[in-house]
């Protein structure tokens, strides 16, 4: 761990790198979903055959993209953020506002993860599949929920650490005295 003001500890760098990798995976799942939908349209409209797996695959892939992409969105501050209040308050209040908001988000995420883990474990142990003819194993289809939520909790912990330790300014604002 470096003593520089902006340097991130190794664990934070690892969380950031994993969030970026999950973001790439999420983008890939979205592109794959588009390709699968195009395939489904071709099979149904041109070949006149029925689709079997495409709708389910696309649904699960887009849900997975949502959960796997969430840590990347948090990392890049790509989420919707109304920054009028943080910009109007003092730097100290801004810091506490950031810490409180991130902590609240982390608690919500942790509770969601706490509820999702038994749901996923049940799918894993029971061997449940979808009721369609494709019979996709649900543990695979739902794995992105606890995986994405776990990384999102870690991303929030990294954000909290970086602001708390003064290595990062809240709400991506410049450091006091910086231009």
N, C-alpha and C. Protein backbone atom coordinates (compact mmCIF):
# COMPACT_ATOMS: atom_id res chain seq x y z
N UNK A 1 0.86 -1.17 0.00
CA UNK A 1 0.00 0.00 0.00
C UNK A 1 0.90 1.23 0.00
N UNK A 2 0.57 2.15 -0.86
CA UNK A 2 1.37 3.36 -1.00
C UNK A 2 0.85 4.45 -0.08
N UNK A 3 1.73 5.37 0.27
CA UNK A 3 1.31 6.46 1.14
C UNK A 3 0.92 7.71 0.35
N UNK A 4 0.93 7.60 -1.00
CA UNK A 4 0.52 8.74 -1.82
C UNK A 4 -0.96 9.02 -1.59
N UNK A 5 -1.33 10.29 -1.76
CA UNK A 5 -2.71 10.69 -1.47
C UNK A 5 -3.72 9.96 -2.35
N UNK A 6 -3.43 9.76 -3.63
CA UNK A 6 -4.43 9.18 -4.52
C UNK A 6 -4.23 7.71 -4.80
N UNK A 7 -3.17 7.08 -4.29
CA UNK A 7 -2.89 5.68 -4.60
C UNK A 7 -3.89 4.77 -3.89
N UNK A 8 -4.34 3.77 -4.62
CA UNK A 8 -5.30 2.82 -4.07
C UNK A 8 -4.56 1.59 -3.55
N UNK A 9 -5.01 1.04 -2.43
CA UNK A 9 -4.43 -0.22 -1.96
C UNK A 9 -4.66 -1.33 -2.98
N UNK A 10 -3.90 -2.40 -2.85
CA UNK A 10 -4.00 -3.50 -3.83
C UNK A 10 -5.40 -4.08 -3.89
N UNK A 11 -6.06 -4.22 -2.75
CA UNK A 11 -7.39 -4.82 -2.77
C UNK A 11 -8.39 -3.94 -3.52
N UNK A 12 -8.23 -2.62 -3.40
CA UNK A 12 -9.11 -1.71 -4.13
C UNK A 12 -8.81 -1.80 -5.62
N UNK A 13 -7.53 -1.85 -5.98
CA UNK A 13 -7.16 -2.00 -7.39
C UNK A 13 -7.70 -3.31 -7.96
N UNK A 14 -7.68 -4.38 -7.16
CA UNK A 14 -8.21 -5.66 -7.61
C UNK A 14 -9.73 -5.59 -7.81
N UNK A 15 -10.42 -4.93 -6.91
CA UNK A 15 -11.87 -4.76 -7.06
C UNK A 15 -12.17 -3.94 -8.31
N UNK A 16 -11.42 -2.87 -8.52
CA UNK A 16 -11.62 -2.04 -9.72
C UNK A 16 -11.36 -2.83 -10.99
N UNK A 17 -10.30 -3.62 -11.02
CA UNK A 17 -9.99 -4.43 -12.21
C UNK A 17 -11.08 -5.47 -12.46
N UNK A 18 -11.58 -6.08 -11.40
CA UNK A 18 -12.65 -7.07 -11.55
C UNK A 18 -13.94 -6.39 -12.01
N UNK A 19 -14.22 -5.20 -11.50
CA UNK A 19 -15.41 -4.46 -11.95
C UNK A 19 -15.31 -4.14 -13.44
N UNK A 20 -14.11 -3.76 -13.89
CA UNK A 20 -13.93 -3.50 -15.32
C UNK A 20 -14.15 -4.77 -16.15
N UNK A 21 -13.61 -5.89 -15.67
CA UNK A 21 -13.79 -7.16 -16.39
C UNK A 21 -15.27 -7.55 -16.44
N UNK A 22 -15.98 -7.37 -15.33
CA UNK A 22 -17.42 -7.66 -15.32
C UNK A 22 -18.16 -6.72 -16.28
N UNK A 23 -17.71 -5.47 -16.38
CA UNK A 23 -18.33 -4.53 -17.32
C UNK A 23 -18.16 -4.99 -18.76
N UNK A 24 -16.97 -5.49 -19.08
CA UNK A 24 -16.73 -6.02 -20.43
C UNK A 24 -17.62 -7.24 -20.67
N UNK A 25 -17.72 -8.13 -19.68
CA UNK A 25 -18.58 -9.30 -19.81
C UNK A 25 -20.04 -8.89 -20.01
N UNK A 26 -20.49 -7.87 -19.28
CA UNK A 26 -21.87 -7.39 -19.42
C UNK A 26 -22.11 -6.84 -20.82
N UNK A 27 -21.16 -6.07 -21.33
CA UNK A 27 -21.30 -5.55 -22.69
C UNK A 27 -21.34 -6.69 -23.71
N UNK A 28 -20.51 -7.71 -23.48
CA UNK A 28 -20.51 -8.87 -24.36
C UNK A 28 -21.84 -9.60 -24.34
N UNK A 29 -22.44 -9.72 -23.15
CA UNK A 29 -23.75 -10.37 -23.04
C UNK A 29 -24.83 -9.59 -23.77
N UNK A 30 -24.74 -8.27 -23.72
CA UNK A 30 -25.72 -7.45 -24.45
C UNK A 30 -25.57 -7.66 -25.95
N UNK A 31 -24.33 -7.64 -26.44
CA UNK A 31 -24.09 -7.87 -27.87
C UNK A 31 -24.53 -9.27 -28.28
N UNK A 32 -24.24 -10.26 -27.45
CA UNK A 32 -24.66 -11.63 -27.74
C UNK A 32 -26.18 -11.73 -27.77
N UNK A 33 -26.85 -11.01 -26.88
CA UNK A 33 -28.32 -11.01 -26.87
C UNK A 33 -28.88 -10.44 -28.17
N UNK A 34 -28.26 -9.38 -28.66
CA UNK A 34 -28.70 -8.80 -29.93
C UNK A 34 -28.54 -9.82 -31.06
N UNK A 35 -27.40 -10.51 -31.09
CA UNK A 35 -27.16 -11.51 -32.13
C UNK A 35 -28.17 -12.66 -32.03
N UNK A 36 -28.47 -13.09 -30.82
CA UNK A 36 -29.43 -14.18 -30.63
C UNK A 36 -30.83 -13.76 -31.06
N UNK A 37 -31.20 -12.52 -30.77
CA UNK A 37 -32.52 -12.03 -31.21
C UNK A 37 -32.57 -11.98 -32.74
N UNK A 38 -31.50 -11.52 -33.37
CA UNK A 38 -31.46 -11.52 -34.84
C UNK A 38 -31.58 -12.94 -35.39
N UNK A 39 -30.91 -13.88 -34.74
CA UNK A 39 -31.02 -15.28 -35.14
C UNK A 39 -32.46 -15.77 -35.00
N UNK A 40 -33.10 -15.41 -33.90
CA UNK A 40 -34.48 -15.83 -33.67
C UNK A 40 -35.40 -15.27 -34.74
N UNK A 41 -35.22 -14.01 -35.09
CA UNK A 41 -36.05 -13.40 -36.14
C UNK A 41 -35.84 -14.13 -37.46
N UNK A 42 -34.58 -14.43 -37.78
CA UNK A 42 -34.28 -15.15 -39.02
C UNK A 42 -34.93 -16.53 -39.02
N UNK A 43 -34.80 -17.26 -37.93
CA UNK A 43 -35.36 -18.61 -37.84
C UNK A 43 -36.88 -18.58 -37.96
N UNK A 44 -37.50 -17.62 -37.31
CA UNK A 44 -38.96 -17.57 -37.33
C UNK A 44 -39.52 -16.98 -38.61
N UNK A 45 -38.94 -15.86 -39.07
CA UNK A 45 -39.51 -15.15 -40.21
C UNK A 45 -39.07 -15.74 -41.55
N UNK A 46 -37.82 -16.11 -41.67
CA UNK A 46 -37.31 -16.58 -42.96
C UNK A 46 -37.48 -18.09 -43.10
N UNK A 47 -37.09 -18.83 -42.07
CA UNK A 47 -37.16 -20.29 -42.16
C UNK A 47 -38.52 -20.84 -41.77
N UNK A 48 -39.33 -20.03 -41.10
CA UNK A 48 -40.67 -20.46 -40.70
C UNK A 48 -40.67 -21.51 -39.60
N UNK A 49 -39.60 -21.59 -38.84
CA UNK A 49 -39.51 -22.55 -37.75
C UNK A 49 -39.78 -21.86 -36.42
N UNK A 50 -40.02 -22.68 -35.41
CA UNK A 50 -40.25 -22.09 -34.09
C UNK A 50 -38.92 -21.89 -33.38
N UNK A 51 -38.93 -20.94 -32.48
CA UNK A 51 -37.73 -20.71 -31.66
C UNK A 51 -37.89 -21.49 -30.37
N UNK A 52 -36.78 -22.02 -29.89
CA UNK A 52 -36.85 -22.86 -28.70
C UNK A 52 -36.15 -22.18 -27.52
N UNK A 53 -34.95 -21.78 -27.70
CA UNK A 53 -34.11 -21.33 -26.60
C UNK A 53 -33.82 -19.83 -26.61
N UNK A 54 -34.06 -19.16 -27.73
CA UNK A 54 -33.60 -17.79 -27.89
C UNK A 54 -34.22 -16.80 -26.91
N UNK A 55 -35.51 -16.89 -26.68
CA UNK A 55 -36.16 -15.94 -25.78
C UNK A 55 -35.65 -16.10 -24.35
N UNK A 56 -35.57 -17.34 -23.89
CA UNK A 56 -35.06 -17.57 -22.53
C UNK A 56 -33.60 -17.14 -22.40
N UNK A 57 -32.79 -17.50 -23.39
CA UNK A 57 -31.38 -17.12 -23.34
C UNK A 57 -31.23 -15.61 -23.26
N UNK A 58 -31.95 -14.90 -24.09
CA UNK A 58 -31.85 -13.44 -24.12
C UNK A 58 -32.31 -12.83 -22.80
N UNK A 59 -33.38 -13.35 -22.25
CA UNK A 59 -33.86 -12.85 -20.95
C UNK A 59 -32.81 -13.04 -19.88
N UNK A 60 -32.26 -14.24 -19.78
CA UNK A 60 -31.24 -14.51 -18.76
C UNK A 60 -29.96 -13.72 -19.02
N UNK A 61 -29.58 -13.58 -20.28
CA UNK A 61 -28.36 -12.84 -20.60
C UNK A 61 -28.49 -11.36 -20.25
N UNK A 62 -29.65 -10.77 -20.50
CA UNK A 62 -29.84 -9.35 -20.17
C UNK A 62 -29.93 -9.13 -18.66
N UNK A 63 -30.51 -10.08 -17.94
CA UNK A 63 -30.52 -9.98 -16.48
C UNK A 63 -29.09 -10.11 -15.96
N UNK A 64 -28.35 -11.06 -16.51
CA UNK A 64 -26.95 -11.22 -16.10
C UNK A 64 -26.14 -9.97 -16.42
N UNK A 65 -26.38 -9.37 -17.57
CA UNK A 65 -25.66 -8.14 -17.94
C UNK A 65 -25.97 -7.02 -16.95
N UNK A 66 -27.19 -6.97 -16.47
CA UNK A 66 -27.57 -5.95 -15.50
C UNK A 66 -26.80 -6.12 -14.19
N UNK A 67 -26.79 -7.34 -13.67
CA UNK A 67 -26.12 -7.57 -12.39
C UNK A 67 -24.59 -7.56 -12.51
N UNK A 68 -24.07 -8.12 -13.58
CA UNK A 68 -22.61 -8.13 -13.75
C UNK A 68 -22.08 -6.74 -14.11
N UNK A 69 -22.89 -5.93 -14.76
CA UNK A 69 -22.47 -4.59 -15.15
C UNK A 69 -22.61 -3.55 -14.06
N UNK A 70 -23.38 -3.85 -13.02
CA UNK A 70 -23.62 -2.87 -11.95
C UNK A 70 -22.34 -2.41 -11.25
N UNK A 71 -21.39 -3.29 -10.93
CA UNK A 71 -20.16 -2.80 -10.29
C UNK A 71 -19.36 -1.85 -11.20
N UNK A 72 -19.37 -2.11 -12.49
CA UNK A 72 -18.67 -1.23 -13.43
C UNK A 72 -19.34 0.15 -13.46
N UNK A 73 -20.65 0.16 -13.45
CA UNK A 73 -21.39 1.43 -13.43
C UNK A 73 -21.06 2.21 -12.16
N UNK A 74 -21.00 1.51 -11.02
CA UNK A 74 -20.63 2.18 -9.77
C UNK A 74 -19.19 2.69 -9.83
N UNK A 75 -18.29 1.90 -10.41
CA UNK A 75 -16.89 2.30 -10.53
C UNK A 75 -16.72 3.57 -11.35
N UNK A 76 -17.42 3.64 -12.47
CA UNK A 76 -17.27 4.78 -13.39
C UNK A 76 -18.21 5.94 -13.06
N UNK A 77 -18.99 5.77 -11.98
CA UNK A 77 -19.98 6.78 -11.60
C UNK A 77 -20.97 7.03 -12.74
N UNK A 78 -21.32 5.95 -13.43
CA UNK A 78 -22.22 6.05 -14.57
C UNK A 78 -23.68 6.06 -14.19
N UNK A 79 -23.98 5.87 -12.92
CA UNK A 79 -25.36 5.86 -12.47
C UNK A 79 -25.91 7.29 -12.41
N UNK A 80 -27.20 7.39 -12.31
CA UNK A 80 -27.84 8.69 -12.22
C UNK A 80 -27.50 9.30 -10.86
N UNK A 81 -26.97 10.48 -10.88
CA UNK A 81 -26.58 11.15 -9.64
C UNK A 81 -26.97 12.62 -9.74
N UNK A 82 -27.83 13.06 -8.87
CA UNK A 82 -28.19 14.47 -8.83
C UNK A 82 -27.16 15.14 -7.92
N UNK A 83 -26.30 15.94 -8.53
CA UNK A 83 -25.19 16.49 -7.76
C UNK A 83 -25.39 17.96 -7.38
N UNK A 84 -26.61 18.43 -7.42
CA UNK A 84 -26.87 19.82 -7.04
C UNK A 84 -26.56 20.03 -5.56
N UNK A 85 -27.09 19.15 -4.72
CA UNK A 85 -26.87 19.29 -3.27
C UNK A 85 -25.39 19.13 -2.92
N UNK A 86 -24.70 18.09 -3.40
CA UNK A 86 -23.28 17.96 -3.05
C UNK A 86 -22.44 19.16 -3.49
N UNK A 87 -22.78 19.77 -4.58
CA UNK A 87 -22.00 20.92 -5.04
C UNK A 87 -22.30 22.19 -4.26
N UNK A 88 -23.45 22.21 -3.57
CA UNK A 88 -23.83 23.41 -2.82
C UNK A 88 -23.32 23.40 -1.38
N UNK A 89 -22.93 22.24 -0.88
CA UNK A 89 -22.51 22.15 0.51
C UNK A 89 -20.99 22.22 0.62
N UNK A 90 -20.52 22.35 1.83
CA UNK A 90 -19.08 22.44 2.08
C UNK A 90 -18.40 21.11 1.75
N UNK A 91 -17.09 21.12 1.52
CA UNK A 91 -16.37 19.87 1.25
C UNK A 91 -16.55 18.82 2.36
N UNK A 92 -16.58 19.26 3.60
CA UNK A 92 -16.76 18.32 4.71
C UNK A 92 -18.15 17.67 4.66
N UNK A 93 -19.19 18.49 4.43
CA UNK A 93 -20.55 17.95 4.32
C UNK A 93 -20.66 17.05 3.09
N UNK A 94 -19.99 17.42 2.02
CA UNK A 94 -19.99 16.61 0.80
C UNK A 94 -19.40 15.23 1.07
N UNK A 95 -18.33 15.20 1.84
CA UNK A 95 -17.69 13.94 2.19
C UNK A 95 -18.64 13.05 2.99
N UNK A 96 -19.30 13.64 4.00
CA UNK A 96 -20.23 12.87 4.82
C UNK A 96 -21.46 12.43 4.02
N UNK A 97 -21.90 13.27 3.11
CA UNK A 97 -23.02 12.91 2.24
C UNK A 97 -22.65 11.71 1.36
N UNK A 98 -21.44 11.74 0.82
CA UNK A 98 -20.96 10.64 -0.01
C UNK A 98 -20.84 9.35 0.80
N UNK A 99 -20.23 9.45 1.98
CA UNK A 99 -20.06 8.27 2.82
C UNK A 99 -21.42 7.68 3.23
N UNK A 100 -22.36 8.55 3.63
CA UNK A 100 -23.68 8.09 4.03
C UNK A 100 -24.44 7.44 2.88
N UNK A 101 -24.41 8.07 1.72
CA UNK A 101 -25.10 7.52 0.56
C UNK A 101 -24.51 6.19 0.10
N UNK A 102 -23.18 6.12 0.09
CA UNK A 102 -22.53 4.87 -0.31
C UNK A 102 -22.79 3.77 0.71
N UNK A 103 -22.76 4.12 1.99
CA UNK A 103 -23.05 3.14 3.03
C UNK A 103 -24.48 2.62 2.92
N UNK A 104 -25.42 3.51 2.66
CA UNK A 104 -26.82 3.11 2.49
C UNK A 104 -26.95 2.17 1.27
N UNK A 105 -26.30 2.51 0.18
CA UNK A 105 -26.33 1.65 -1.01
C UNK A 105 -25.70 0.30 -0.71
N UNK A 106 -24.60 0.29 0.04
CA UNK A 106 -23.93 -0.97 0.38
C UNK A 106 -24.81 -1.85 1.26
N UNK A 107 -25.51 -1.25 2.21
CA UNK A 107 -26.41 -2.01 3.08
C UNK A 107 -27.55 -2.61 2.26
N UNK A 108 -28.14 -1.83 1.38
CA UNK A 108 -29.21 -2.35 0.52
C UNK A 108 -28.68 -3.51 -0.32
N UNK A 109 -27.51 -3.32 -0.91
CA UNK A 109 -26.91 -4.36 -1.75
C UNK A 109 -26.63 -5.62 -0.94
N UNK A 110 -26.12 -5.46 0.28
CA UNK A 110 -25.82 -6.61 1.14
C UNK A 110 -27.10 -7.36 1.52
N UNK A 111 -28.17 -6.63 1.79
CA UNK A 111 -29.45 -7.28 2.10
C UNK A 111 -29.99 -8.03 0.89
N UNK A 112 -29.85 -7.44 -0.29
CA UNK A 112 -30.28 -8.09 -1.53
C UNK A 112 -29.45 -9.36 -1.74
N UNK A 113 -28.14 -9.28 -1.52
CA UNK A 113 -27.27 -10.44 -1.64
C UNK A 113 -27.66 -11.52 -0.63
N UNK A 114 -27.95 -11.11 0.59
CA UNK A 114 -28.38 -12.04 1.64
C UNK A 114 -29.64 -12.80 1.22
N UNK A 115 -30.54 -12.14 0.53
CA UNK A 115 -31.77 -12.79 0.05
C UNK A 115 -31.51 -13.63 -1.20
N UNK A 116 -30.55 -13.22 -2.03
CA UNK A 116 -30.30 -13.91 -3.29
C UNK A 116 -29.50 -15.20 -3.12
N UNK A 117 -28.61 -15.25 -2.13
CA UNK A 117 -27.77 -16.43 -1.97
C UNK A 117 -28.57 -17.72 -1.70
N UNK A 118 -29.54 -17.72 -0.80
CA UNK A 118 -30.33 -18.95 -0.61
C UNK A 118 -31.12 -19.34 -1.86
N UNK A 119 -31.59 -18.35 -2.58
CA UNK A 119 -32.33 -18.59 -3.82
C UNK A 119 -31.43 -19.28 -4.83
N UNK A 120 -30.21 -18.79 -4.98
CA UNK A 120 -29.28 -19.41 -5.92
C UNK A 120 -28.85 -20.79 -5.44
N UNK A 121 -28.56 -20.93 -4.14
CA UNK A 121 -28.15 -22.22 -3.60
C UNK A 121 -29.23 -23.28 -3.76
N UNK A 122 -30.48 -22.87 -3.63
CA UNK A 122 -31.58 -23.81 -3.86
C UNK A 122 -31.57 -24.30 -5.30
N UNK A 123 -31.37 -23.40 -6.24
CA UNK A 123 -31.30 -23.79 -7.65
C UNK A 123 -30.11 -24.71 -7.90
N UNK A 124 -29.00 -24.46 -7.21
CA UNK A 124 -27.80 -25.28 -7.35
C UNK A 124 -28.04 -26.70 -6.82
N UNK A 125 -28.56 -26.80 -5.60
CA UNK A 125 -28.72 -28.10 -4.96
C UNK A 125 -29.88 -28.91 -5.54
N UNK A 126 -30.93 -28.24 -5.96
CA UNK A 126 -32.11 -28.96 -6.44
C UNK A 126 -32.01 -29.38 -7.90
N UNK A 127 -31.15 -28.71 -8.66
CA UNK A 127 -31.04 -29.03 -10.08
C UNK A 127 -32.22 -28.53 -10.90
N UNK A 128 -32.93 -27.54 -10.38
CA UNK A 128 -34.08 -26.99 -11.11
C UNK A 128 -33.68 -26.52 -12.50
N UNK A 129 -34.61 -26.71 -13.43
CA UNK A 129 -34.42 -26.22 -14.79
C UNK A 129 -35.64 -25.39 -15.18
N UNK A 130 -35.52 -24.68 -16.28
CA UNK A 130 -36.66 -23.91 -16.77
C UNK A 130 -37.70 -24.89 -17.31
N UNK A 131 -38.97 -24.50 -17.29
CA UNK A 131 -40.02 -25.42 -17.75
C UNK A 131 -40.12 -25.54 -19.27
N UNK A 132 -39.29 -24.84 -19.99
CA UNK A 132 -39.36 -24.89 -21.46
C UNK A 132 -38.70 -26.16 -22.00
N UNK A 133 -38.79 -26.34 -23.27
CA UNK A 133 -38.18 -27.48 -23.92
C UNK A 133 -36.64 -27.40 -23.86
N UNK A 134 -36.12 -26.22 -23.70
CA UNK A 134 -34.66 -26.01 -23.61
C UNK A 134 -34.13 -26.54 -22.28
N UNK A 135 -34.91 -26.40 -21.21
CA UNK A 135 -34.58 -26.90 -19.87
C UNK A 135 -33.23 -26.37 -19.38
N UNK A 136 -33.06 -25.07 -19.42
CA UNK A 136 -31.82 -24.45 -18.93
C UNK A 136 -31.72 -24.66 -17.42
N UNK A 137 -30.52 -24.99 -16.95
CA UNK A 137 -30.31 -25.16 -15.51
C UNK A 137 -30.34 -23.77 -14.85
N UNK A 138 -31.20 -23.63 -13.87
CA UNK A 138 -31.41 -22.31 -13.25
C UNK A 138 -30.21 -21.83 -12.46
N UNK A 139 -29.40 -22.71 -11.92
CA UNK A 139 -28.24 -22.24 -11.16
C UNK A 139 -27.27 -21.49 -12.06
N UNK A 140 -27.17 -21.90 -13.31
CA UNK A 140 -26.30 -21.19 -14.25
C UNK A 140 -26.94 -19.85 -14.62
N UNK A 141 -28.23 -19.89 -14.89
CA UNK A 141 -28.93 -18.68 -15.33
C UNK A 141 -28.98 -17.62 -14.24
N UNK A 142 -28.98 -18.04 -12.97
CA UNK A 142 -29.12 -17.07 -11.88
C UNK A 142 -27.81 -16.77 -11.16
N UNK A 143 -26.71 -17.38 -11.56
CA UNK A 143 -25.42 -17.16 -10.92
C UNK A 143 -24.98 -15.70 -10.96
N UNK A 144 -25.36 -14.99 -12.00
CA UNK A 144 -24.95 -13.58 -12.14
C UNK A 144 -25.52 -12.70 -11.03
N UNK A 145 -26.63 -13.10 -10.42
CA UNK A 145 -27.22 -12.27 -9.37
C UNK A 145 -26.31 -12.22 -8.14
N UNK A 146 -25.96 -13.35 -7.51
CA UNK A 146 -25.06 -13.24 -6.36
C UNK A 146 -23.65 -12.81 -6.74
N UNK A 147 -23.18 -13.19 -7.92
CA UNK A 147 -21.83 -12.77 -8.34
C UNK A 147 -21.76 -11.26 -8.51
N UNK A 148 -22.73 -10.69 -9.21
CA UNK A 148 -22.75 -9.25 -9.42
C UNK A 148 -22.97 -8.48 -8.13
N UNK A 149 -23.86 -8.98 -7.28
CA UNK A 149 -24.12 -8.30 -6.01
C UNK A 149 -22.91 -8.36 -5.08
N UNK A 150 -22.19 -9.48 -5.08
CA UNK A 150 -20.98 -9.59 -4.26
C UNK A 150 -19.95 -8.56 -4.69
N UNK A 151 -19.72 -8.48 -5.99
CA UNK A 151 -18.75 -7.50 -6.48
C UNK A 151 -19.24 -6.07 -6.27
N UNK A 152 -20.54 -5.85 -6.39
CA UNK A 152 -21.07 -4.51 -6.14
C UNK A 152 -20.85 -4.11 -4.68
N UNK A 153 -21.05 -5.04 -3.74
CA UNK A 153 -20.76 -4.75 -2.33
C UNK A 153 -19.29 -4.42 -2.13
N UNK A 154 -18.42 -5.17 -2.79
CA UNK A 154 -16.98 -4.90 -2.70
C UNK A 154 -16.64 -3.54 -3.33
N UNK A 155 -17.32 -3.20 -4.43
CA UNK A 155 -17.08 -1.90 -5.07
C UNK A 155 -17.50 -0.77 -4.14
N UNK A 156 -18.63 -0.93 -3.46
CA UNK A 156 -19.06 0.08 -2.49
C UNK A 156 -18.06 0.18 -1.34
N UNK A 157 -17.55 -0.97 -0.89
CA UNK A 157 -16.54 -0.95 0.19
C UNK A 157 -15.29 -0.22 -0.28
N UNK A 158 -14.88 -0.44 -1.51
CA UNK A 158 -13.71 0.26 -2.06
C UNK A 158 -13.97 1.76 -2.16
N UNK A 159 -15.17 2.13 -2.60
CA UNK A 159 -15.53 3.55 -2.68
C UNK A 159 -15.50 4.20 -1.30
N UNK A 160 -16.08 3.49 -0.33
CA UNK A 160 -16.07 4.01 1.05
C UNK A 160 -14.64 4.20 1.54
N UNK A 161 -13.80 3.21 1.31
CA UNK A 161 -12.40 3.30 1.77
C UNK A 161 -11.68 4.47 1.11
N UNK A 162 -11.86 4.64 -0.19
CA UNK A 162 -11.14 5.69 -0.92
C UNK A 162 -11.55 7.08 -0.44
N UNK A 163 -12.84 7.28 -0.17
CA UNK A 163 -13.30 8.59 0.31
C UNK A 163 -12.93 8.76 1.78
N UNK A 164 -13.14 7.73 2.60
CA UNK A 164 -12.84 7.81 4.02
C UNK A 164 -11.36 8.10 4.26
N UNK A 165 -10.49 7.47 3.48
CA UNK A 165 -9.05 7.63 3.67
C UNK A 165 -8.51 8.90 3.00
N UNK A 166 -9.37 9.62 2.29
CA UNK A 166 -8.95 10.86 1.65
C UNK A 166 -8.21 10.65 0.34
N UNK A 167 -8.21 9.45 -0.17
CA UNK A 167 -7.51 9.16 -1.43
C UNK A 167 -8.34 9.54 -2.65
N UNK A 168 -9.61 9.79 -2.44
CA UNK A 168 -10.50 10.16 -3.54
C UNK A 168 -11.50 11.19 -3.03
N UNK A 169 -11.83 12.13 -3.88
CA UNK A 169 -12.81 13.15 -3.51
C UNK A 169 -14.21 12.63 -3.78
N UNK A 170 -15.17 12.94 -2.90
CA UNK A 170 -16.54 12.47 -3.12
C UNK A 170 -17.18 13.15 -4.33
N UNK A 171 -18.05 12.42 -4.98
CA UNK A 171 -18.82 12.93 -6.12
C UNK A 171 -17.92 13.42 -7.25
N UNK A 172 -16.72 12.86 -7.35
CA UNK A 172 -15.76 13.20 -8.41
C UNK A 172 -15.51 14.71 -8.49
N UNK A 173 -15.49 15.36 -7.34
CA UNK A 173 -15.22 16.80 -7.30
C UNK A 173 -13.71 17.01 -7.15
N UNK A 174 -13.20 18.14 -7.61
CA UNK A 174 -11.77 18.37 -7.43
C UNK A 174 -11.40 18.57 -5.96
N UNK A 175 -10.18 18.24 -5.64
CA UNK A 175 -9.71 18.40 -4.26
C UNK A 175 -9.71 19.88 -3.89
N UNK A 176 -9.94 20.20 -2.62
CA UNK A 176 -9.91 21.60 -2.21
C UNK A 176 -8.57 22.22 -2.57
N UNK A 177 -8.62 23.39 -3.19
CA UNK A 177 -7.41 24.11 -3.60
C UNK A 177 -6.90 23.70 -4.97
N UNK A 178 -7.46 22.61 -5.56
CA UNK A 178 -7.04 22.18 -6.91
C UNK A 178 -7.85 22.91 -7.96
N UNK A 179 -7.24 23.10 -9.10
CA UNK A 179 -7.96 23.77 -10.20
C UNK A 179 -8.12 22.86 -11.36
